[in-house]
Amino acid sequence: MNFEETRQKLEKYNQQHLLRYYDTLSETKQADFIQQVAETDFSVVTRIGKKEAAKKESSISPIAAMTLDEIYAEKSHYEETGIEAIRSGKVGAVLLAGGMGTRLGSDNPKGMYDIGITKPIYIFERIIKNLFDVVDQTKAWIHLFVMTSDKNHEITMAFFEEHEYFGYDRKHIHFFKQDMAPASDYSGKIFLEEKWKLAASPNGNGGWFSSLMNAGLLDLMKREGIQWLNVFAVDNVLQRIADPTFIGAVIEKECESGAKVVRKNHPDEKVGVMCLEDGHPSIIEYYELTDSLRDTKTETGEPAYNFGVILNYLFRIDCLEDVVNKELPLHIVEKKIPYLDGQGKLIKPEKPNGYKFETLILDLIKLLNSCLPFEVERSKEFAPIKNKTGVDSVESARELLQQNGVEL
């Protein structure tokens, strides 16, 4: 993209004010600015204030999960199907690793956080060792696609290089940056963070597939014959990745996607739960779960909405291609956004002053025709690290890892 094309794009979205300092920039910073404009989706600001067409109240109903008893009864069959898919090169994995360790007191990417007690053990290291379990079982390398963000891309790649990819085959690890979404004031005017840099943030975990496509990695997947992608978050250090039993169950049930789920600890646990919405698979966020839905029972007296997602999904790539151009719901969130004022001074507001925009992976599930909720044992596969202490913390994850025989 050249300057004229940049100007035209800014004019199209009424963002010409972003050129305010352009003539004062060095050639390098001008090039950086042009590249950022080229890579940024400005269309999100056009959706501010738009009222969606009135739609009927959604019909929410329970979705049948594949329970542990059902899985154990057919485990060898499902596992065999999954192993065959992996050995045939049909399965890839996508690690969502764009976040920073801010809540853990770290300025580094979250995956670089050391959870060891007697020796250094990094979150990224645990993820790779979990993946190795399946590589060793199947005797087949699995392509791992690591989604970083604008803030942590270079340091993440350098960290993997420094640690020699924790023993994983370098040719099977691919890094790509998540697409960015601009931050704007309430009227839709995008902020500048620096004279050459837009205020922007990653476009939410729902943007992982479009980001992967924009990075040109879909072509590689097709060349390699990859048909399924296991997508998972960086913070669950106990999760099974490219789990053959999970993969085999989704394939055998002829579903377009699958979601690993755990039984809720208590009715008000803060996890999204699987359901059907107007007949399509869906996820209700914990804050959207009404008392009526929370208290609904099945015929056997079990809670009807009792299986929480753990952000470990399996998707059929051809189905994702079919829906990727559909417009995902855009979550517009009020935030405190630092910005340059008219005099070029950086202002750090004390209260919300604008919007950030993101899409969510759970909304991607809603665009598909089928999803298999696949129950896993919480104590064996769910050790999220969101805080330094307390619930879902470094402390609780260490305890669960040790219970599962991991030396820390």
Protein backbone atom coordinates (compact mmCIF):
# COMPACT_ATOMS: atom_id res chain seq x y z
CA MET A 1 0.00 0.00 0.00
CA ASN A 2 1.35 3.44 -0.91
CA PHE A 3 0.50 6.84 0.55
CA GLU A 4 -2.32 7.57 -1.89
CA GLU A 5 -3.98 4.22 -1.17
CA THR A 6 -3.57 4.90 2.54
CA ARG A 7 -5.19 8.30 2.20
CA GLN A 8 -8.09 6.80 0.22
CA LYS A 9 -8.70 4.12 2.86
CA LEU A 10 -8.70 6.69 5.65
CA GLU A 11 -11.04 8.94 3.66
CA LYS A 12 -13.42 6.04 3.02
CA TYR A 13 -13.87 5.59 6.78
CA ASN A 14 -13.70 9.31 7.63
CA GLN A 15 -10.40 8.92 9.49
CA GLN A 16 -8.28 11.57 7.72
CA HIS A 17 -7.33 13.05 11.11
CA LEU A 18 -4.89 10.15 11.53
CA LEU A 19 -2.62 11.85 8.98
CA ARG A 20 -2.19 14.85 11.28
CA TYR A 21 1.48 14.13 12.05
CA TYR A 22 2.41 12.18 8.91
CA ASP A 23 4.58 14.89 7.35
CA THR A 24 6.64 15.18 10.55
CA LEU A 25 7.57 11.48 10.59
CA SER A 26 10.77 9.85 9.40
CA GLU A 27 10.54 7.65 6.31
CA THR A 28 10.73 4.57 8.52
CA LYS A 29 7.85 5.72 10.73
CA GLN A 30 5.83 6.73 7.67
CA ALA A 31 6.28 3.19 6.33
CA ASP A 32 5.22 1.76 9.70
CA PHE A 33 2.12 3.94 9.70
CA ILE A 34 1.14 2.91 6.17
CA GLN A 35 1.63 -0.76 7.01
CA GLN A 36 -0.55 -0.47 10.11
CA VAL A 37 -3.33 1.22 8.14
CA ALA A 38 -3.12 -1.56 5.56
CA GLU A 39 -3.39 -4.29 8.22
CA THR A 40 -6.17 -2.71 10.29
CA ASP A 41 -9.87 -3.41 9.83
CA PHE A 42 -11.50 0.04 9.91
CA SER A 43 -14.98 -1.30 9.18
CA VAL A 44 -15.59 -2.02 12.87
CA VAL A 45 -16.15 1.67 13.62
CA THR A 46 -19.06 1.75 11.16
CA ARG A 47 -20.96 -0.58 13.47
CA ILE A 48 -20.98 1.80 16.43
CA GLY A 49 -24.51 2.75 17.34
CA LYS A 50 -26.14 0.58 14.73
CA LYS A 51 -29.21 -1.13 15.99
CA GLU A 52 -29.50 -4.68 14.83
CA ALA A 53 -32.74 -5.51 13.12
CA ALA A 54 -35.32 -6.60 15.63
CA LYS A 55 -35.23 -10.32 15.96
CA LYS A 56 -37.36 -12.84 17.71
CA GLU A 57 -36.40 -14.09 21.12
CA SER A 58 -33.95 -16.97 20.76
CA SER A 59 -35.15 -20.40 21.73
CA ILE A 60 -32.64 -21.93 24.16
CA SER A 61 -32.68 -25.67 24.78
CA PRO A 62 -30.24 -28.23 26.23
CA ILE A 63 -27.67 -29.98 24.06
CA ALA A 64 -26.66 -33.56 24.74
CA ALA A 65 -23.04 -33.91 25.78
CA MET A 66 -20.97 -37.03 25.31
CA THR A 67 -20.39 -37.95 28.94
CA LEU A 68 -17.41 -39.69 30.48
CA ASP A 69 -19.30 -42.98 30.75
CA GLU A 70 -20.16 -42.89 27.04
CA ILE A 71 -16.59 -41.96 26.13
CA TYR A 72 -15.03 -44.75 28.21
CA ALA A 73 -17.42 -47.30 26.68
CA GLU A 74 -16.15 -46.50 23.15
CA LYS A 75 -12.73 -45.07 23.99
CA SER A 76 -10.63 -47.58 22.04
CA HIS A 77 -12.78 -47.11 18.93
CA TYR A 78 -12.71 -43.30 19.06
CA GLU A 79 -8.99 -43.31 19.85
CA GLU A 80 -8.23 -45.53 16.87
CA THR A 81 -10.13 -43.19 14.55
CA GLY A 82 -8.31 -40.16 15.97
CA ILE A 83 -4.88 -41.78 15.72
CA GLU A 84 -5.52 -42.65 12.08
CA ALA A 85 -6.50 -39.03 11.34
CA ILE A 86 -3.32 -37.75 13.03
CA ARG A 87 -1.05 -40.25 11.28
CA SER A 88 -2.65 -39.27 7.97
CA GLY A 89 -1.66 -35.64 8.60
CA LYS A 90 -5.28 -34.48 8.83
CA VAL A 91 -4.98 -32.75 12.23
CA GLY A 92 -3.29 -29.48 13.16
CA ALA A 93 -3.28 -27.49 16.41
CA VAL A 94 -3.67 -23.75 17.00
CA LEU A 95 -2.34 -22.17 20.19
CA LEU A 96 -3.93 -18.83 21.09
CA ALA A 97 -0.98 -17.07 22.72
CA GLY A 98 -1.46 -13.35 22.12
CA GLY A 99 -1.92 -12.43 25.77
CA MET A 100 0.55 -10.90 28.20
CA GLY A 101 1.22 -11.98 31.79
CA THR A 102 0.09 -8.68 33.28
CA ARG A 103 -2.26 -10.23 35.85
CA LEU A 104 0.57 -12.52 36.93
CA GLY A 105 2.87 -9.55 37.51
CA SER A 106 4.87 -10.15 34.35
CA ASP A 107 5.62 -7.86 31.41
CA ASN A 108 6.30 -10.85 29.14
CA PRO A 109 3.93 -13.00 27.08
CA LYS A 110 1.82 -15.18 29.35
CA GLY A 111 3.31 -18.35 27.88
CA MET A 112 6.77 -17.32 29.12
CA TYR A 113 5.65 -17.34 32.77
CA ASP A 114 7.65 -19.71 34.96
CA ILE A 115 5.40 -22.00 37.04
CA GLY A 116 8.24 -24.19 38.33
CA ILE A 117 9.03 -24.67 42.01
CA THR A 118 12.40 -26.43 42.06
CA LYS A 119 13.34 -25.68 38.44
CA PRO A 120 12.17 -23.38 35.63
CA ILE A 121 9.02 -24.71 33.92
CA TYR A 122 7.34 -22.32 31.51
CA ILE A 123 3.71 -22.35 30.41
CA PHE A 124 4.83 -22.72 26.78
CA GLU A 125 6.99 -25.67 27.85
CA ARG A 126 4.03 -27.42 29.48
CA ILE A 127 1.94 -26.89 26.32
CA ILE A 128 4.64 -28.47 24.15
CA LYS A 129 5.08 -31.41 26.56
CA ASN A 130 1.31 -32.01 26.48
CA LEU A 131 1.44 -32.07 22.69
CA PHE A 132 4.40 -34.44 22.83
CA ASP A 133 2.18 -36.97 24.62
CA VAL A 134 0.22 -37.43 21.40
CA VAL A 135 3.26 -37.15 19.10
CA ASP A 136 4.91 -39.96 21.05
CA GLN A 137 1.71 -42.01 21.05
CA THR A 138 1.04 -41.68 17.33
CA LYS A 139 4.66 -41.44 16.11
CA ALA A 140 3.61 -38.48 13.96
CA TRP A 141 4.47 -34.78 14.14
CA ILE A 142 1.51 -32.40 14.36
CA HIS A 143 1.70 -28.92 12.83
CA LEU A 144 1.36 -26.33 15.59
CA PHE A 145 0.25 -22.81 14.63
CA VAL A 146 1.02 -20.25 17.35
CA MET A 147 -1.07 -17.07 17.24
CA THR A 148 0.78 -14.14 18.78
CA SER A 149 -0.16 -10.47 18.96
CA ASP A 150 1.43 -7.25 17.82
CA LYS A 151 2.84 -6.78 21.33
CA ASN A 152 4.46 -10.17 21.82
CA HIS A 153 5.24 -11.63 18.37
CA GLU A 154 9.01 -11.14 18.25
CA ILE A 155 9.67 -11.98 21.89
CA THR A 156 7.58 -15.16 21.63
CA MET A 157 9.49 -16.38 18.58
CA ALA A 158 12.81 -15.51 20.23
CA PHE A 159 11.79 -17.42 23.37
CA PHE A 160 10.99 -20.58 21.41
CA GLU A 161 14.27 -20.22 19.53
CA GLU A 162 16.22 -19.71 22.75
CA HIS A 163 14.73 -22.88 24.23
CA GLU A 164 15.15 -24.85 21.00
CA TYR A 165 11.38 -25.22 20.68
CA PHE A 166 11.42 -27.42 23.79
CA GLY A 167 12.50 -30.33 21.63
CA TYR A 168 9.67 -30.01 19.11
CA ASP A 169 10.41 -30.24 15.39
CA ARG A 170 10.99 -26.66 14.21
CA LYS A 171 9.50 -27.34 10.77
CA HIS A 172 6.14 -28.11 12.41
CA ILE A 173 5.81 -24.85 14.39
CA HIS A 174 4.43 -21.77 12.62
CA PHE A 175 3.94 -18.31 14.16
CA PHE A 176 1.40 -15.76 12.97
CA LYS A 177 0.14 -12.46 14.31
CA GLN A 178 -3.47 -11.87 15.26
CA ASP A 179 -5.21 -9.16 13.27
CA MET A 180 -5.71 -5.88 15.07
CA ALA A 181 -8.83 -3.79 15.57
CA PRO A 182 -8.59 -0.02 16.12
CA ALA A 183 -9.79 1.76 19.25
CA SER A 184 -11.97 4.83 18.82
CA ASP A 185 -13.77 7.57 20.68
CA TYR A 186 -17.53 7.37 21.09
CA SER A 187 -18.14 8.99 17.72
CA GLY A 188 -15.99 6.45 15.86
CA LYS A 189 -12.85 8.56 15.45
CA ILE A 190 -9.82 6.29 15.82
CA PHE A 191 -7.22 7.35 18.37
CA LEU A 192 -3.51 7.75 17.78
CA GLU A 193 -1.31 6.10 20.42
CA GLU A 194 1.82 7.69 18.99
CA LYS A 195 2.25 10.08 16.08
CA TRP A 196 2.87 7.15 13.76
CA LYS A 197 0.84 4.46 15.55
CA LEU A 198 -2.90 3.84 15.77
CA ALA A 199 -4.42 2.88 19.09
CA ALA A 200 -5.32 -0.75 18.43
CA SER A 201 -5.68 -4.11 20.15
CA PRO A 202 -6.06 -7.75 19.03
CA ASN A 203 -9.48 -8.40 17.49
CA GLY A 204 -10.57 -11.07 19.99
CA ASN A 205 -10.19 -14.85 19.96
CA GLY A 206 -12.95 -15.10 17.36
CA GLY A 207 -10.50 -13.65 14.84
CA TRP A 208 -8.06 -16.56 14.98
CA PHE A 209 -9.10 -18.22 11.69
CA SER A 210 -9.26 -15.04 9.62
CA SER A 211 -5.88 -14.03 11.07
CA LEU A 212 -4.47 -17.42 10.12
CA MET A 213 -5.84 -17.02 6.59
CA ASN A 214 -4.49 -13.48 6.27
CA ALA A 215 -1.07 -14.83 7.25
CA GLY A 216 -1.20 -17.19 4.26
CA LEU A 217 -1.15 -20.36 6.36
CA LEU A 218 -4.32 -21.86 4.91
CA ASP A 219 -2.37 -22.67 1.75
CA LEU A 220 0.19 -24.58 3.81
CA MET A 221 -2.59 -26.51 5.54
CA LYS A 222 -4.12 -27.53 2.24
CA ARG A 223 -0.74 -28.64 0.90
CA GLU A 224 -0.20 -30.72 4.02
CA GLY A 225 -3.71 -32.22 3.86
CA ILE A 226 -4.82 -30.80 7.22
CA GLN A 227 -8.61 -31.06 7.59
CA TRP A 228 -9.12 -30.48 11.32
CA LEU A 229 -7.79 -27.85 13.72
CA ASN A 230 -7.69 -28.22 17.50
CA VAL A 231 -7.79 -24.66 18.88
CA PHE A 232 -6.86 -24.02 22.50
CA ALA A 233 -5.83 -21.26 24.91
CA VAL A 234 -2.37 -20.83 26.37
CA ASP A 235 -3.40 -20.65 30.02
CA ASN A 236 -4.63 -24.23 30.63
CA VAL A 237 -1.42 -26.11 31.44
CA LEU A 238 -3.12 -29.49 31.96
CA GLN A 239 -5.11 -29.75 28.76
CA ARG A 240 -4.80 -32.56 26.26
CA ILE A 241 -3.94 -31.24 22.80
CA ALA A 242 -4.84 -33.08 19.57
CA ASP A 243 -6.45 -35.68 21.81
CA PRO A 244 -7.08 -38.75 19.59
CA THR A 245 -10.19 -39.80 21.53
CA PHE A 246 -11.74 -36.34 21.21
CA ILE A 247 -10.87 -36.12 17.52
CA GLY A 248 -12.17 -39.61 16.83
CA ALA A 249 -15.47 -38.96 18.63
CA VAL A 250 -16.14 -35.77 16.63
CA ILE A 251 -15.31 -37.56 13.37
CA GLU A 252 -17.43 -40.61 14.20
CA LYS A 253 -20.40 -38.45 15.18
CA GLU A 254 -20.01 -36.55 11.88
CA CYS A 255 -19.97 -33.17 13.62
CA GLU A 256 -18.52 -29.96 12.17
CA SER A 257 -16.92 -29.05 15.49
CA GLY A 258 -16.34 -30.29 18.99
CA ALA A 259 -15.88 -28.60 22.36
CA LYS A 260 -14.20 -30.05 25.41
CA VAL A 261 -16.36 -29.40 28.45
CA VAL A 262 -16.30 -30.01 32.20
CA ARG A 263 -19.18 -30.40 34.63
CA LYS A 264 -19.66 -27.18 36.53
CA ASN A 265 -18.33 -27.03 40.06
CA HIS A 266 -21.45 -25.24 41.22
CA PRO A 267 -24.48 -23.65 39.50
CA ASP A 268 -22.94 -20.17 39.48
CA GLU A 269 -19.46 -21.07 38.26
CA LYS A 270 -18.19 -18.42 35.84
CA VAL A 271 -17.91 -20.53 32.69
CA GLY A 272 -19.86 -20.42 29.44
CA VAL A 273 -22.17 -23.42 29.02
CA MET A 274 -23.13 -25.39 25.91
CA CYS A 275 -26.69 -25.27 24.64
CA LEU A 276 -28.78 -25.14 21.48
CA GLU A 277 -29.95 -21.74 20.28
CA ASP A 278 -32.72 -21.98 17.68
CA GLY A 279 -31.49 -25.49 16.97
CA HIS A 280 -27.84 -24.51 16.45
CA PRO A 281 -25.00 -25.26 18.85
CA SER A 282 -24.27 -22.27 21.04
CA ILE A 283 -22.63 -21.13 24.24
CA ILE A 284 -24.30 -19.04 26.92
CA GLU A 285 -21.91 -16.86 28.87
CA TYR A 286 -22.23 -17.24 32.65
CA TYR A 287 -23.59 -13.71 33.04
CA GLU A 288 -26.34 -14.47 30.48
CA LEU A 289 -27.56 -17.60 32.24
CA THR A 290 -30.92 -16.74 33.77
CA ASP A 291 -32.11 -18.25 37.04
CA SER A 292 -34.71 -20.20 35.06
CA LEU A 293 -32.11 -21.78 32.79
CA ARG A 294 -29.72 -22.39 35.66
CA ASP A 295 -32.40 -24.30 37.56
CA THR A 296 -33.70 -26.33 34.59
CA LYS A 297 -33.33 -30.10 35.09
CA THR A 298 -33.12 -33.05 32.73
CA GLU A 299 -35.40 -36.06 32.97
CA THR A 300 -32.87 -37.68 35.27
CA GLY A 301 -32.78 -34.68 37.59
CA GLU A 302 -29.38 -33.39 36.43
CA PRO A 303 -28.89 -29.68 35.66
CA ALA A 304 -29.70 -29.20 31.96
CA TYR A 305 -27.03 -26.54 31.42
CA ASN A 306 -24.18 -28.06 33.35
CA PHE A 307 -21.28 -28.42 30.91
CA GLY A 308 -18.83 -25.52 30.81
CA VAL A 309 -16.45 -24.90 27.91
CA ILE A 310 -12.70 -24.76 28.59
CA LEU A 311 -11.63 -23.10 25.31
CA ASN A 312 -10.44 -26.29 23.65
CA TYR A 313 -12.27 -26.78 20.35
CA LEU A 314 -11.99 -28.91 17.23
CA PHE A 315 -13.06 -27.42 13.88
CA ARG A 316 -13.39 -28.82 10.37
CA ILE A 317 -11.47 -26.43 8.14
CA ASP A 318 -13.84 -26.60 5.16
CA CYS A 319 -16.74 -25.60 7.43
CA LEU A 320 -14.73 -22.65 8.76
CA GLU A 321 -14.05 -21.53 5.20
CA ASP A 322 -17.79 -21.55 4.55
CA VAL A 323 -18.55 -19.24 7.48
CA VAL A 324 -15.44 -17.06 7.69
CA ASN A 325 -16.93 -14.35 5.50
CA LYS A 326 -20.11 -14.20 7.55
CA GLU A 327 -20.21 -11.30 9.95
CA LEU A 328 -19.44 -12.44 13.47
CA PRO A 329 -21.17 -10.51 16.24
CA LEU A 330 -18.97 -7.60 17.22
CA HIS A 331 -18.50 -7.02 20.92
CA ILE A 332 -18.05 -3.29 21.50
CA VAL A 333 -16.52 -2.65 24.91
CA GLU A 334 -16.04 0.66 26.71
CA LYS A 335 -12.41 1.11 27.80
CA LYS A 336 -9.92 3.66 29.07
CA ILE A 337 -7.80 4.28 25.96
CA PRO A 338 -4.58 6.35 26.08
CA TYR A 339 -4.40 8.78 23.14
CA LEU A 340 -2.58 11.79 21.69
CA ASP A 341 -4.46 15.06 21.99
CA GLY A 342 -4.41 17.84 19.39
CA GLN A 343 -1.05 19.07 20.67
CA GLY A 344 0.56 15.64 20.45
CA LYS A 345 0.51 15.10 24.21
CA LEU A 346 -0.24 11.58 25.50
CA ILE A 347 -3.39 11.53 27.62
CA LYS A 348 -4.11 8.63 29.98
CA PRO A 349 -7.80 8.91 30.87
CA GLU A 350 -9.06 8.02 34.35
CA LYS A 351 -12.44 6.79 33.08
CA PRO A 352 -13.67 5.10 29.88
CA ASN A 353 -13.36 7.37 26.87
CA GLY A 354 -14.04 5.12 23.91
CA TYR A 355 -14.49 1.66 22.43
CA LYS A 356 -12.45 -1.43 21.68
CA PHE A 357 -13.82 -4.06 19.31
CA GLU A 358 -13.50 -7.84 19.45
CA THR A 359 -15.05 -11.06 18.21
CA LEU A 360 -15.30 -14.24 20.28
CA ILE A 361 -14.65 -17.85 19.35
CA LEU A 362 -17.93 -18.90 20.97
CA ASP A 363 -19.78 -16.88 18.32
CA LEU A 364 -17.99 -18.94 15.66
CA ILE A 365 -19.60 -22.08 17.09
CA LYS A 366 -23.04 -20.54 16.52
CA LEU A 367 -22.43 -20.30 12.77
CA LEU A 368 -21.86 -24.04 12.44
CA ASN A 369 -24.52 -26.73 12.15
CA SER A 370 -23.22 -29.15 14.76
CA CYS A 371 -20.90 -29.30 17.75
CA LEU A 372 -20.13 -32.26 20.02
CA PRO A 373 -19.74 -31.30 23.70
CA PHE A 374 -17.11 -33.79 24.89
CA GLU A 375 -16.77 -34.20 28.65
CA VAL A 376 -13.31 -34.39 30.22
CA GLU A 377 -12.24 -34.93 33.81
CA ARG A 378 -11.71 -31.54 35.40
CA SER A 379 -8.90 -32.74 37.67
CA LYS A 380 -6.99 -34.18 34.70
CA GLU A 381 -7.53 -31.58 31.98
CA PHE A 382 -8.48 -28.22 33.46
CA ALA A 383 -5.83 -26.14 35.22
CA PRO A 384 -6.27 -22.57 33.94
CA ILE A 385 -3.88 -19.85 35.07
CA LYS A 386 -5.64 -16.50 35.20
CA ASN A 387 -4.44 -15.14 38.54
CA LYS A 388 -1.31 -15.35 40.67
CA THR A 389 -3.14 -16.76 43.71
CA GLY A 390 -6.58 -18.10 44.57
CA VAL A 391 -9.06 -19.55 42.09
CA ASP A 392 -7.70 -20.48 38.61
CA SER A 393 -4.23 -19.39 39.62
CA VAL A 394 -0.58 -20.36 39.48
CA GLU A 395 -1.11 -21.95 42.91
CA SER A 396 -4.10 -24.08 41.90
CA ALA A 397 -2.49 -25.11 38.61
CA ARG A 398 0.68 -26.24 40.40
CA GLU A 399 -1.40 -28.36 42.77
CA LEU A 400 -3.28 -30.03 39.90
CA LEU A 401 -0.09 -30.64 37.91
CA GLN A 402 1.49 -32.33 40.92
CA GLN A 403 -1.63 -34.45 41.43
CA ASN A 404 -1.12 -35.64 37.85
CA GLY A 405 2.49 -36.59 38.41
CA VAL A 406 4.21 -33.55 36.91
CA GLU A 407 7.40 -32.66 38.73
CA LEU A 408 7.70 -28.95 39.42
